[in-house]
Amino acid sequence: MKAIITHDSDILLEYNLSTDAFEVSEDAGRSYPYELYEDIVINDEEFYLIHLEDKDMIPTSKFDVWLPLDAAISHLENYKSKTEEGKRSIVEYVEVLKSQSLQGI
């Protein structure tokens, strides 16, 4: 299932090299070392909202970024992908999270 990963007030933006885009995570069976998770729905899609105890416990690449929510929205809005697939942005998910003022963000 798609997962949105947070730690304190930061959100993880995972970079996909093949699509040249930032994406939400995939979590097969709640496998992250989470402190808390919630099932949420954004634009009729189901997600896990995962609040991590320690963000260093999950693997990330040098291209992934942890950003505060406002900075993540700005980063996504200003990122220009070189691929058609990558031009579809996850900014809508992040904006919905901000508007809902969900726990941990």
Protein backbone atom coordinates (compact mmCIF):
# COMPACT_ATOMS: atom_id res chain seq x y z
CA MET A 1 0.00 0.00 0.00
CA LYS A 2 1.15 3.56 -0.55
CA ALA A 3 2.66 5.12 2.55
CA ILE A 4 3.42 8.67 3.58
CA ILE A 5 6.32 8.65 6.00
CA THR A 6 6.85 11.34 8.61
CA HIS A 7 9.25 12.02 11.44
CA ASP A 8 8.53 14.86 13.84
CA SER A 9 7.41 17.67 11.51
CA ASP A 10 9.21 16.34 8.42
CA ILE A 11 7.90 14.29 5.51
CA LEU A 12 9.99 11.92 3.38
CA LEU A 13 10.05 12.58 -0.37
CA GLU A 14 11.44 9.49 -2.09
CA TYR A 15 13.13 10.03 -5.44
CA ASN A 16 12.63 7.53 -8.26
CA LEU A 17 15.60 7.65 -10.62
CA SER A 18 13.80 5.89 -13.49
CA THR A 19 10.90 8.37 -13.60
CA ASP A 20 12.92 11.39 -12.43
CA ALA A 21 10.26 12.18 -9.85
CA PHE A 22 9.50 12.23 -6.17
CA GLU A 23 6.96 9.63 -5.07
CA VAL A 24 5.18 8.39 -1.99
CA SER A 25 6.59 5.24 -0.44
CA GLU A 26 5.32 1.70 -0.77
CA ASP A 27 4.87 -0.35 2.39
CA ALA A 28 4.15 -4.05 2.05
CA GLY A 29 2.67 -5.04 5.36
CA ARG A 30 3.57 -2.15 7.65
CA SER A 31 7.24 -3.06 7.57
CA TYR A 32 8.66 0.27 8.70
CA PRO A 33 9.86 0.75 12.31
CA TYR A 34 6.98 3.06 13.15
CA GLU A 35 5.93 4.73 16.34
CA LEU A 36 2.39 5.18 15.09
CA TYR A 37 0.53 4.64 11.85
CA GLU A 38 -2.92 5.60 10.64
CA ASP A 39 -5.01 4.48 7.71
CA ILE A 40 -6.00 7.59 5.75
CA VAL A 41 -7.76 8.33 2.47
CA ILE A 42 -6.61 11.09 0.12
CA ASN A 43 -8.52 11.70 -3.12
CA ASP A 44 -10.19 8.26 -2.83
CA GLU A 45 -6.83 6.47 -2.44
CA GLU A 46 -5.88 4.59 0.72
CA PHE A 47 -2.55 5.28 2.41
CA TYR A 48 -0.70 4.48 5.58
CA LEU A 49 0.41 7.64 7.36
CA ILE A 50 3.50 6.44 9.20
CA HIS A 51 5.09 8.37 12.06
CA LEU A 52 8.64 7.09 12.59
CA GLU A 53 10.46 6.94 15.91
CA ASP A 54 13.84 7.27 14.23
CA LYS A 55 14.16 8.28 10.57
CA ASP A 56 17.63 6.75 10.35
CA MET A 57 16.12 3.26 10.73
CA ILE A 58 14.77 3.19 7.17
CA PRO A 59 16.93 3.07 4.07
CA THR A 60 17.04 6.19 1.93
CA SER A 61 19.12 7.18 -1.07
CA LYS A 62 21.20 10.31 -1.46
CA PHE A 63 18.38 11.64 -3.68
CA ASP A 64 15.61 11.26 -1.08
CA VAL A 65 14.86 14.28 1.09
CA TRP A 66 13.31 14.93 4.48
CA LEU A 67 11.58 18.32 4.52
CA PRO A 68 9.11 20.22 6.68
CA LEU A 69 5.63 20.12 5.13
CA ASP A 70 5.66 23.68 3.73
CA ALA A 71 9.12 23.20 2.25
CA ALA A 72 8.04 19.84 0.75
CA ILE A 73 5.12 21.49 -1.06
CA SER A 74 7.38 24.20 -2.45
CA HIS A 75 10.04 21.63 -3.43
CA LEU A 76 7.49 19.51 -5.31
CA GLU A 77 5.87 22.48 -7.04
CA ASN A 78 9.22 23.73 -8.28
CA TYR A 79 10.72 20.38 -9.34
CA LYS A 80 10.74 19.87 -13.11
CA SER A 81 10.92 16.22 -14.12
CA LYS A 82 12.47 15.26 -17.44
CA THR A 83 10.02 12.36 -18.00
CA GLU A 84 6.29 12.34 -18.77
CA GLU A 85 5.61 9.89 -15.95
CA GLY A 86 7.56 12.04 -13.55
CA LYS A 87 5.57 15.15 -14.34
CA ARG A 88 2.64 13.76 -12.39
CA SER A 89 3.35 15.20 -8.98
CA ILE A 90 2.62 14.02 -5.47
CA VAL A 91 2.14 17.64 -4.39
CA GLU A 92 -1.64 17.12 -4.21
CA TYR A 93 -1.18 14.48 -1.50
CA VAL A 94 1.11 16.72 0.52
CA GLU A 95 -1.30 19.67 0.20
CA VAL A 96 -4.20 17.52 1.43
CA LEU A 97 -2.12 16.42 4.42
CA LYS A 98 -1.42 20.04 5.25
CA SER A 99 -5.07 21.06 4.91
CA GLN A 100 -6.18 18.22 7.18
CA SER A 101 -3.59 19.15 9.84
CA LEU A 102 -2.90 15.50 10.54
CA GLN A 103 -1.07 14.38 13.67
CA GLY A 104 2.69 14.47 13.55
CA ILE A 105 3.01 16.89 10.67
